C-alpha atoms as a PDB file:
ATOM      1  CA  MET A   1     -67.581-166.432  11.275  1.00  0.00           C
ATOM      2  CA  PRO A   2     -65.699-168.934  13.390  1.00  0.00           C
ATOM      3  CA  GLU A   3     -67.343-172.324  14.166  1.00  0.00           C
ATOM      4  CA  LEU A   4     -66.918-171.647  17.861  1.00  0.00           C
ATOM      5  CA  THR A   5     -66.491-168.515  19.922  1.00  0.00           C
ATOM      6  CA  LEU A   6     -65.176-169.525  23.322  1.00  0.00           C
ATOM      7  CA  PHE A   7     -65.207-167.161  26.325  1.00  0.00           C
ATOM      8  CA  TYR A   8     -62.403-167.820  28.850  1.00  0.00           C
ATOM      9  CA  ASP A   9     -61.039-166.277  31.969  1.00  0.00           C
ATOM     10  CA  GLY A  10     -57.823-164.317  31.141  1.00  0.00           C
ATOM     11  CA  TYR A  11     -56.935-164.073  34.776  1.00  0.00           C
ATOM     12  CA  CYS A  12     -56.692-167.875  35.247  1.00  0.00           C
ATOM     13  CA  PRO A  13     -53.232-169.128  34.422  1.00  0.00           C
ATOM     14  CA  LEU A  14     -54.450-172.613  33.616  1.00  0.00           C
ATOM     15  CA  CYS A  15     -57.237-171.255  31.404  1.00  0.00           C
ATOM     16  CA  VAL A  16     -54.834-169.177  29.498  1.00  0.00           C
ATOM     17  CA  ARG A  17     -52.491-172.141  29.002  1.00  0.00           C
ATOM     18  CA  GLU A  18     -55.235-174.232  27.584  1.00  0.00           C
ATOM     19  CA  MET A  19     -56.219-171.369  25.209  1.00  0.00           C
ATOM     20  CA  LYS A  20     -52.622-171.058  24.061  1.00  0.00           C
ATOM     21  CA  HIS A  21     -52.524-174.750  23.278  1.00  0.00           C
ATOM     22  CA  LEU A  22     -55.846-174.552  21.402  1.00  0.00           C
ATOM     23  CA  THR A  23     -54.659-171.539  19.431  1.00  0.00           C
ATOM     24  CA  ARG A  24     -51.486-173.373  18.434  1.00  0.00           C
ATOM     25  CA  LEU A  25     -53.507-176.292  17.165  1.00  0.00           C
ATOM     26  CA  ASP A  26     -56.280-174.333  15.499  1.00  0.00           C
ATOM     27  CA  THR A  27     -54.393-173.876  12.255  1.00  0.00           C
ATOM     28  CA  ALA A  28     -57.683-173.548  10.256  1.00  0.00           C
ATOM     29  CA  GLY A  29     -58.888-170.565  12.432  1.00  0.00           C
ATOM     30  CA  GLN A  30     -62.163-172.408  13.486  1.00  0.00           C
ATOM     31  CA  MET A  31     -62.255-170.736  16.825  1.00  0.00           C
ATOM     32  CA  GLN A  32     -62.434-167.251  18.202  1.00  0.00           C
ATOM     33  CA  LEU A  33     -61.143-167.082  21.869  1.00  0.00           C
ATOM     34  CA  VAL A  34     -62.438-164.139  23.871  1.00  0.00           C
ATOM     35  CA  ASP A  35     -60.949-163.028  27.227  1.00  0.00           C
ATOM     36  CA  ILE A  36     -63.904-162.164  29.512  1.00  0.00           C
ATOM     37  CA  GLN A  37     -61.497-159.962  31.567  1.00  0.00           C
ATOM     38  CA  SER A  38     -60.582-157.681  28.748  1.00  0.00           C
ATOM     39  CA  ASP A  39     -61.538-154.020  29.293  1.00  0.00           C
ATOM     40  CA  ASP A  40     -63.880-153.955  26.331  1.00  0.00           C
ATOM     41  CA  PHE A  41     -65.522-157.357  26.804  1.00  0.00           C
ATOM     42  CA  SER A  42     -68.957-156.111  27.777  1.00  0.00           C
ATOM     43  CA  GLN A  43     -68.942-153.634  25.018  1.00  0.00           C
ATOM     44  CA  HIS A  44     -68.234-156.233  22.337  1.00  0.00           C
ATOM     45  CA  TRP A  45     -70.208-158.981  23.871  1.00  0.00           C
ATOM     46  CA  PRO A  46     -73.285-157.509  25.654  1.00  0.00           C
ATOM     47  CA  GLN A  47     -75.227-160.736  25.127  1.00  0.00           C
ATOM     48  CA  VAL A  48     -72.782-162.650  27.267  1.00  0.00           C
ATOM     49  CA  ASN A  49     -73.557-162.719  31.016  1.00  0.00           C
ATOM     50  CA  LYS A  50     -70.096-162.085  32.493  1.00  0.00           C
ATOM     51  CA  ALA A  51     -70.983-163.499  35.885  1.00  0.00           C
ATOM     52  CA  GLU A  52     -72.113-166.766  34.274  1.00  0.00           C
ATOM     53  CA  ALA A  53     -68.956-166.775  32.006  1.00  0.00           C
ATOM     54  CA  SER A  54     -66.940-166.358  35.255  1.00  0.00           C
ATOM     55  CA  SER A  55     -68.499-169.385  36.863  1.00  0.00           C
ATOM     56  CA  ILE A  56     -68.600-171.819  33.846  1.00  0.00           C
ATOM     57  CA  LEU A  57     -66.887-171.975  30.499  1.00  0.00           C
ATOM     58  CA  LEU A  58     -69.149-170.621  27.774  1.00  0.00           C
ATOM     59  CA  ALA A  59     -69.065-170.769  24.008  1.00  0.00           C
ATOM     60  CA  VAL A  60     -71.478-170.166  21.121  1.00  0.00           C
ATOM     61  CA  GLN A  61     -71.391-172.137  17.889  1.00  0.00           C
ATOM     62  CA  ASP A  62     -71.839-170.643  14.524  1.00  0.00           C
ATOM     63  CA  ASN A  63     -75.429-171.987  14.424  1.00  0.00           C
ATOM     64  CA  GLY A  64     -76.214-169.898  17.533  1.00  0.00           C
ATOM     65  CA  GLU A  65     -76.292-172.837  19.929  1.00  0.00           C
ATOM     66  CA  TRP A  66     -74.663-172.130  23.421  1.00  0.00           C
ATOM     67  CA  LEU A  67     -72.492-174.643  25.090  1.00  0.00           C
ATOM     68  CA  ARG A  68     -71.357-174.722  28.716  1.00  0.00           C
ATOM     69  CA  GLY A  69     -68.643-176.436  30.781  1.00  0.00           C
ATOM     70  CA  LEU A  70     -67.102-179.601  29.482  1.00  0.00           C
ATOM     71  CA  ASP A  71     -69.242-179.441  26.374  1.00  0.00           C
ATOM     72  CA  VAL A  72     -67.252-176.410  25.421  1.00  0.00           C
ATOM     73  CA  THR A  73     -64.052-178.109  26.170  1.00  0.00           C
ATOM     74  CA  HIS A  74     -65.043-181.162  24.157  1.00  0.00           C
ATOM     75  CA  ARG A  75     -66.170-179.092  21.176  1.00  0.00           C
ATOM     76  CA  ALA A  76     -63.011-176.960  21.178  1.00  0.00           C
ATOM     77  CA  TRP A  77     -60.790-179.983  21.202  1.00  0.00           C
ATOM     78  CA  GLN A  78     -62.908-181.720  18.537  1.00  0.00           C
ATOM     79  CA  LEU A  79     -62.276-178.684  16.183  1.00  0.00           C
ATOM     80  CA  VAL A  80     -58.520-179.103  16.532  1.00  0.00           C
ATOM     81  CA  GLY A  81     -58.700-182.876  15.999  1.00  0.00           C
ATOM     82  CA  LYS A  82     -58.175-183.875  19.577  1.00  0.00           C
ATOM     83  CA  GLY A  83     -61.740-184.482  20.788  1.00  0.00           C
ATOM     84  CA  TYR A  84     -60.886-187.998  21.693  1.00  0.00           C
ATOM     85  CA  TRP A  85     -58.940-186.634  24.645  1.00  0.00           C
ATOM     86  CA  ILE A  86     -62.110-185.406  26.258  1.00  0.00           C
ATOM     87  CA  ALA A  87     -64.715-187.742  24.655  1.00  0.00           C
ATOM     88  CA  PRO A  88     -64.790-190.170  27.673  1.00  0.00           C
ATOM     89  CA  LEU A  89     -65.882-187.308  29.874  1.00  0.00           C
ATOM     90  CA  ARG A  90     -69.022-186.929  27.741  1.00  0.00           C
ATOM     91  CA  TRP A  91     -70.064-190.660  28.000  1.00  0.00           C
ATOM     92  CA  PRO A  92     -73.459-190.939  29.744  1.00  0.00           C
ATOM     93  CA  VAL A  93     -72.350-192.447  33.076  1.00  0.00           C
ATOM     94  CA  ILE A  94     -69.068-190.605  33.369  1.00  0.00           C
ATOM     95  CA  ARG A  95     -70.643-187.335  32.196  1.00  0.00           C
ATOM     96  CA  LEU A  96     -72.592-186.846  35.452  1.00  0.00           C
ATOM     97  CA  LEU A  97     -69.488-187.107  37.647  1.00  0.00           C
ATOM     98  CA  ALA A  98     -67.233-185.294  35.217  1.00  0.00           C
ATOM     99  CA  ASP A  99     -69.637-182.345  35.096  1.00  0.00           C
ATOM    100  CA  GLN A 100     -69.676-182.136  38.981  1.00  0.00           C
ATOM    101  CA  VAL A 101     -65.855-182.249  39.081  1.00  0.00           C
ATOM    102  CA  TYR A 102     -65.637-179.572  36.435  1.00  0.00           C
ATOM    103  CA  LEU A 103     -67.928-177.280  38.414  1.00  0.00           C
ATOM    104  CA  TRP A 104     -65.740-177.828  41.422  1.00  0.00           C
ATOM    105  CA  PHE A 105     -62.739-177.013  39.399  1.00  0.00           C
ATOM    106  CA  ALA A 106     -64.244-173.861  37.873  1.00  0.00           C
ATOM    107  CA  ARG A 107     -65.100-172.589  41.374  1.00  0.00           C
ATOM    108  CA  ASN A 108     -61.578-173.302  42.529  1.00  0.00           C
ATOM    109  CA  ARG A 109     -59.549-172.544  39.389  1.00  0.00           C
ATOM    110  CA  TYR A 110     -57.450-169.768  40.984  1.00  0.00           C
ATOM    111  CA  ARG A 111     -56.443-172.029  43.941  1.00  0.00           C
ATOM    112  CA  ILE A 112     -55.740-174.949  41.574  1.00  0.00           C
ATOM    113  CA  SER A 113     -53.606-172.657  39.378  1.00  0.00           C
ATOM    114  CA  GLY A 114     -51.620-171.736  42.463  1.00  0.00           C
ATOM    115  CA  TRP A 115     -50.950-175.280  43.313  1.00  0.00           C
ATOM    116  CA  LEU A 116     -49.883-176.182  39.794  1.00  0.00           C
ATOM    117  CA  THR A 117     -48.157-172.989  38.504  1.00  0.00           C
ATOM    118  CA  GLY A 118     -47.227-171.201  41.702  1.00  0.00           C
ATOM    119  CA  GLN A 119     -49.493-168.297  40.897  1.00  0.00           C
ATOM    120  CA  GLN A 120     -53.213-168.252  41.609  1.00  0.00           C
ATOM    121  CA  ARG A 121     -54.149-165.324  39.461  1.00  0.00           C
ATOM    122  CA  CYS A 122     -52.544-163.241  36.852  1.00  0.00           C
ATOM    123  CA  GLU A 123     -53.558-159.748  35.850  1.00  0.00           C
ATOM    124  CA  ALA A 124     -51.306-159.798  32.779  1.00  0.00           C
ATOM    125  CA  CYS A 125     -52.241-163.192  31.271  1.00  0.00           C
ATOM    126  CA  ALA A 126     -53.272-163.262  27.646  1.00  0.00           C
ATOM    127  CA  ILE A 127     -53.027-165.772  24.890  1.00  0.00           C
ATOM    128  CA  SER A 128     -50.171-163.639  23.331  1.00  0.00           C
ATOM    129  CA  GLY A 129     -48.117-163.725  26.590  1.00  0.00           C
ATOM    130  CA  CYS A 130     -48.314-164.469  30.260  1.00  0.00           C
ATOM    131  CA  ASP A 131     -46.038-163.241  32.941  1.00  0.00           C
ATOM    132  CA  ILE A 132     -46.095-166.506  34.793  1.00  0.00           C
ATOM    133  CA  ALA A 133     -43.643-168.204  32.381  1.00  0.00           C
ATOM    134  CA  GLU A 134     -41.327-165.179  32.546  1.00  0.00           C
ATOM    135  CA  LYS A 135     -41.402-165.196  36.380  1.00  0.00           C
ATOM    136  CA  LYS A 136     -40.525-168.873  36.577  1.00  0.00           C
ATOM    137  CA  GLN A 137     -37.658-168.352  34.220  1.00  0.00           C
ATOM    138  CA  GLY A 138     -36.350-165.438  36.325  1.00  0.00           C
ATOM    139  CA  LYS A 139     -36.981-162.692  33.708  1.00  0.00           C
END
């Protein structure tokens, strides 16, 4: 069993990019990344509330503890040896503001993806491939 099973939005270009980066760095196979938009998601993960997973990043640790939002991000990056990138966002005073900014980001992730990638939403995004990169390269 992986140390962390992380549930992400495969329609979100920025989310998919982060998952690709994590996959590349997870050489020990400590994480399982699950696309909540996959056709069989509810069949394989009936205990996960898809509406909640669509509004905030969710993960479950191997001890059964659930994580949400930036706690998921911090734990995932810790597992690949880069937790220090996110650690300041978990410091007590900064945490309150960071969590509010994250919730705003989560609600607006498609719009923000559009600003940053030129595409708000992608039906074909997956960790193994995303049509955004191909479209930008003119393929």
